[in-house]
């Protein structure tokens, strides 16, 4: 991933108090199945580990919220618009790791340049597209209205499309999804003529009648 999250001050870890067991009496008490309450069993089950996607979405959301706080003037989430999202995406370009050739560069359009060039490093289109998808989901998870989601604004979609088209030309790569080729075996099987069941039944009955007459 090209996205680089800024350092975020983490909350102190949550500690849970553990019951103190008297070693002198614990060996004398044998717990029975009836003495274990359902609440104790439920508390002993550890919460599920967040997925990699959820962890990345949380880090991206914290980075965006910190960007809003550091904005001049500071911005609150309800005041955020698609224009502020575009500012955030351009701000992230300074942390990019993908070489994007300028149109005046002799390596413009070459997927494998033979030598280094002074063209800038930018965020790859795929990283930005995935980032917007995670932030769009996080916005609604934090109480934002879907119709007012700034990450789904038309200006953001147009910007991502322009970035995709320009980077495809500059890098000499294609971002078009490859279509699956039809299976020739399945097509050949489908093209085979299906047997006529009525004809088969008539032939079978005719053969049985001939056998009966002969006998």
Protein backbone atom coordinates (compact mmCIF):
# COMPACT_ATOMS: atom_id res chain seq x y z
CA UNK A 1 0.00 0.00 0.00
CA UNK A 2 1.19 3.49 -0.80
CA UNK A 3 -0.94 5.11 1.87
CA UNK A 4 1.17 6.31 4.79
CA UNK A 5 -0.75 7.08 7.95
CA UNK A 6 0.50 9.81 10.23
CA UNK A 7 1.35 8.85 13.81
CA UNK A 8 -1.79 8.75 15.86
CA UNK A 9 -1.82 8.98 19.65
CA UNK A 10 -3.18 5.65 20.77
CA UNK A 11 -5.50 5.27 23.73
CA UNK A 12 -3.99 3.56 26.78
CA UNK A 13 -4.60 -0.18 26.81
CA UNK A 14 -7.64 -1.34 28.72
CA UNK A 15 -6.78 -3.49 31.71
CA UNK A 16 -9.16 -5.91 33.30
CA UNK A 17 -9.13 -6.74 36.96
CA UNK A 18 -8.55 -10.41 37.67
CA UNK A 19 -10.00 -12.10 40.75
CA UNK A 20 -7.52 -12.92 43.51
CA UNK A 21 -7.55 -16.59 44.44
CA UNK A 22 -6.38 -17.66 47.90
CA UNK A 23 -3.80 -20.34 47.31
CA UNK A 24 -4.44 -21.84 50.71
CA UNK A 25 -8.09 -22.52 50.02
CA UNK A 26 -8.17 -22.94 46.27
CA UNK A 27 -6.89 -26.50 46.50
CA UNK A 28 -9.67 -27.38 48.91
CA UNK A 29 -12.50 -26.14 46.68
CA UNK A 30 -13.46 -28.24 43.68
CA UNK A 31 -15.57 -26.24 41.22
CA UNK A 32 -18.62 -28.02 39.96
CA UNK A 33 -20.41 -27.54 36.67
CA UNK A 34 -23.38 -26.02 38.47
CA UNK A 35 -21.18 -23.41 40.17
CA UNK A 36 -20.06 -21.87 36.86
CA UNK A 37 -22.46 -19.13 35.82
CA UNK A 38 -23.25 -18.34 32.18
CA UNK A 39 -21.89 -14.83 32.72
CA UNK A 40 -18.49 -16.20 33.71
CA UNK A 41 -18.41 -18.40 30.64
CA UNK A 42 -19.32 -15.49 28.38
CA UNK A 43 -16.66 -13.26 29.94
CA UNK A 44 -13.99 -15.88 29.37
CA UNK A 45 -14.60 -15.80 25.59
CA UNK A 46 -12.17 -13.37 23.97
CA UNK A 47 -13.56 -10.96 21.36
CA UNK A 48 -12.85 -11.80 17.71
CA UNK A 49 -9.67 -10.36 16.24
CA UNK A 50 -10.39 -7.50 13.79
CA UNK A 51 -9.62 -8.31 10.19
CA UNK A 52 -6.84 -6.66 8.23
CA UNK A 53 -9.44 -4.61 6.37
CA UNK A 54 -10.99 -3.31 9.61
CA UNK A 55 -7.58 -2.38 11.03
CA UNK A 56 -6.64 -0.50 7.87
CA UNK A 57 -10.02 1.25 7.79
CA UNK A 58 -9.55 2.40 11.39
CA UNK A 59 -6.06 3.75 10.65
CA UNK A 60 -7.28 5.58 7.54
CA UNK A 61 -10.15 7.12 9.46
CA UNK A 62 -7.84 8.30 12.25
CA UNK A 63 -5.49 9.83 9.66
CA UNK A 64 -8.33 11.70 7.98
CA UNK A 65 -9.70 12.98 11.29
CA UNK A 66 -6.23 14.21 12.26
CA UNK A 67 -5.98 15.95 8.87
CA UNK A 68 -9.24 17.78 9.63
CA UNK A 69 -7.95 18.85 13.04
CA UNK A 70 -4.69 20.15 11.55
CA UNK A 71 -6.52 21.99 8.78
CA UNK A 72 -6.38 25.79 8.82
CA UNK A 73 -8.96 26.64 9.92
CA UNK A 74 -9.82 23.34 11.66
CA UNK A 75 -12.72 21.47 10.14
CA UNK A 76 -15.40 19.42 11.82
CA UNK A 77 -16.74 16.29 10.17
CA UNK A 78 -20.20 17.77 9.36
CA UNK A 79 -18.46 20.65 7.53
CA UNK A 80 -16.38 18.30 5.39
CA UNK A 81 -17.22 18.29 1.68
CA UNK A 82 -15.97 16.64 -1.48
CA UNK A 83 -13.53 19.53 -1.99
CA UNK A 84 -11.88 18.77 1.34
CA UNK A 85 -11.59 15.10 0.36
CA UNK A 86 -9.76 16.16 -2.82
CA UNK A 87 -7.38 18.29 -0.73
CA UNK A 88 -6.72 15.26 1.45
CA UNK A 89 -5.95 13.04 -1.55
CA UNK A 90 -3.51 15.60 -2.98
CA UNK A 91 -1.92 15.91 0.45
CA UNK A 92 -1.26 12.15 0.48
CA UNK A 93 0.68 12.37 -2.81
CA UNK A 94 3.78 13.43 -0.92
CA UNK A 95 3.87 9.96 0.67
CA UNK A 96 3.42 8.12 -2.63
CA UNK A 97 5.83 5.48 -3.91
CA UNK A 98 4.67 5.11 -7.52
CA UNK A 99 6.63 6.83 -10.30
CA UNK A 100 4.30 8.82 -12.53
CA UNK A 101 6.06 10.14 -15.65
CA UNK A 102 5.30 13.61 -16.94
CA UNK A 103 4.25 14.06 -20.54
CA UNK A 104 7.63 15.67 -21.34
CA UNK A 105 9.53 12.69 -19.90
CA UNK A 106 11.14 10.41 -22.55
CA UNK A 107 9.86 7.41 -20.56
CA UNK A 108 6.24 8.55 -20.68
CA UNK A 109 4.10 5.51 -21.49
CA UNK A 110 6.86 2.95 -20.87
CA UNK A 111 5.92 0.29 -18.30
CA UNK A 112 9.60 -0.56 -17.63
CA UNK A 113 11.83 2.55 -17.97
CA UNK A 114 15.46 1.68 -18.78
CA UNK A 115 16.88 4.43 -16.54
CA UNK A 116 15.83 6.66 -13.62
CA UNK A 117 14.16 9.99 -14.20
CA UNK A 118 13.28 13.02 -12.05
CA UNK A 119 9.52 12.50 -12.34
CA UNK A 120 7.65 12.70 -9.02
CA UNK A 121 6.35 9.87 -6.89
CA UNK A 122 2.59 9.79 -6.42
CA UNK A 123 -0.07 7.66 -4.81
CA UNK A 124 -1.12 4.88 -7.16
CA UNK A 125 -4.69 5.02 -8.42
CA UNK A 126 -5.48 1.61 -6.94
CA UNK A 127 -4.40 2.76 -3.48
CA UNK A 128 -6.52 5.92 -3.67
CA UNK A 129 -9.55 4.02 -4.94
CA UNK A 130 -9.32 1.49 -2.10
CA UNK A 131 -8.75 4.29 0.43
CA UNK A 132 -11.90 6.14 -0.63
CA UNK A 133 -13.89 2.93 -0.37
CA UNK A 134 -12.75 2.37 3.22
CA UNK A 135 -13.32 5.99 4.26
CA UNK A 136 -16.74 5.99 2.67
CA UNK A 137 -17.74 2.99 4.78
CA UNK A 138 -16.14 4.43 7.93
CA UNK A 139 -18.00 7.72 7.50
CA UNK A 140 -21.37 5.99 7.65
CA UNK A 141 -20.24 3.73 10.51
CA UNK A 142 -19.53 6.86 12.55
CA UNK A 143 -23.04 8.23 12.10
CA UNK A 144 -22.74 10.04 8.80
CA UNK A 145 -25.71 10.11 6.45
CA UNK A 146 -25.21 8.21 3.17
CA UNK A 147 -26.70 11.03 1.08
CA UNK A 148 -24.22 13.51 2.63
CA UNK A 149 -21.16 11.27 2.39
CA UNK A 150 -18.32 13.48 1.04
CA UNK A 151 -16.32 10.43 -0.07
CA UNK A 152 -19.07 9.53 -2.51
CA UNK A 153 -19.29 13.00 -4.04
CA UNK A 154 -19.29 13.32 -7.82
CA UNK A 155 -16.14 15.45 -7.74
CA UNK A 156 -14.27 12.65 -5.96
CA UNK A 157 -15.40 10.05 -8.52
CA UNK A 158 -14.33 12.29 -11.40
CA UNK A 159 -10.95 12.93 -9.78
CA UNK A 160 -10.30 9.21 -9.34
CA UNK A 161 -11.25 8.61 -12.96
CA UNK A 162 -8.83 11.28 -14.15
CA UNK A 163 -6.04 9.87 -12.00
CA UNK A 164 -6.69 6.38 -13.36
CA UNK A 165 -6.66 7.50 -17.00
CA UNK A 166 -3.53 9.66 -16.67
CA UNK A 167 -1.56 7.07 -14.71
CA UNK A 168 -2.49 4.38 -17.21
CA UNK A 169 -1.02 6.52 -20.02
CA UNK A 170 2.01 7.68 -18.03
CA UNK A 171 2.96 4.20 -16.83
CA UNK A 172 1.95 2.34 -19.96
CA UNK A 173 -0.37 0.02 -18.05
CA UNK A 174 -4.03 -0.83 -18.34
CA UNK A 175 -6.47 -0.74 -15.45
CA UNK A 176 -9.27 -2.34 -17.45
CA UNK A 177 -10.67 -5.50 -15.93
CA UNK A 178 -9.93 -8.58 -17.97
CA UNK A 179 -13.00 -10.37 -19.20
CA UNK A 180 -13.22 -14.07 -18.59
CA UNK A 181 -12.88 -16.12 -21.71
CA UNK A 182 -15.77 -18.47 -22.42
CA UNK A 183 -15.04 -22.12 -21.80
CA UNK A 184 -14.80 -23.81 -25.16
CA UNK A 185 -15.51 -27.22 -23.65
CA UNK A 186 -18.81 -26.05 -22.24
CA UNK A 187 -19.74 -24.40 -25.52
CA UNK A 188 -18.95 -27.54 -27.51
CA UNK A 189 -21.04 -29.59 -25.14
CA UNK A 190 -23.91 -27.14 -25.44
CA UNK A 191 -23.71 -27.20 -29.23
CA UNK A 192 -24.08 -30.97 -29.39
CA UNK A 193 -27.56 -32.03 -30.58
CA UNK A 194 -29.68 -33.41 -27.80
CA UNK A 195 -31.12 -36.89 -28.35
CA UNK A 196 -34.76 -37.09 -29.33
CA UNK A 197 -36.43 -38.92 -26.46
CA UNK A 198 -39.66 -39.51 -28.39
CA UNK A 199 -37.79 -41.21 -31.21
CA UNK A 200 -35.94 -43.38 -28.72
CA UNK A 201 -39.21 -44.45 -27.08
CA UNK A 202 -40.79 -45.30 -30.45
CA UNK A 203 -37.77 -47.34 -31.49
CA UNK A 204 -37.75 -49.18 -28.17
CA UNK A 205 -41.44 -50.05 -28.39
CA UNK A 206 -41.05 -51.21 -32.01
CA UNK A 207 -38.19 -53.49 -31.05
CA UNK A 208 -40.16 -55.00 -28.19
CA UNK A 209 -43.18 -55.64 -30.41
CA UNK A 210 -40.98 -57.32 -33.01
CA UNK A 211 -39.50 -59.59 -30.35
CA UNK A 212 -43.00 -60.54 -29.13
CA UNK A 213 -44.20 -61.40 -32.67
CA UNK A 214 -41.17 -63.57 -33.36
CA UNK A 215 -41.61 -65.54 -30.18
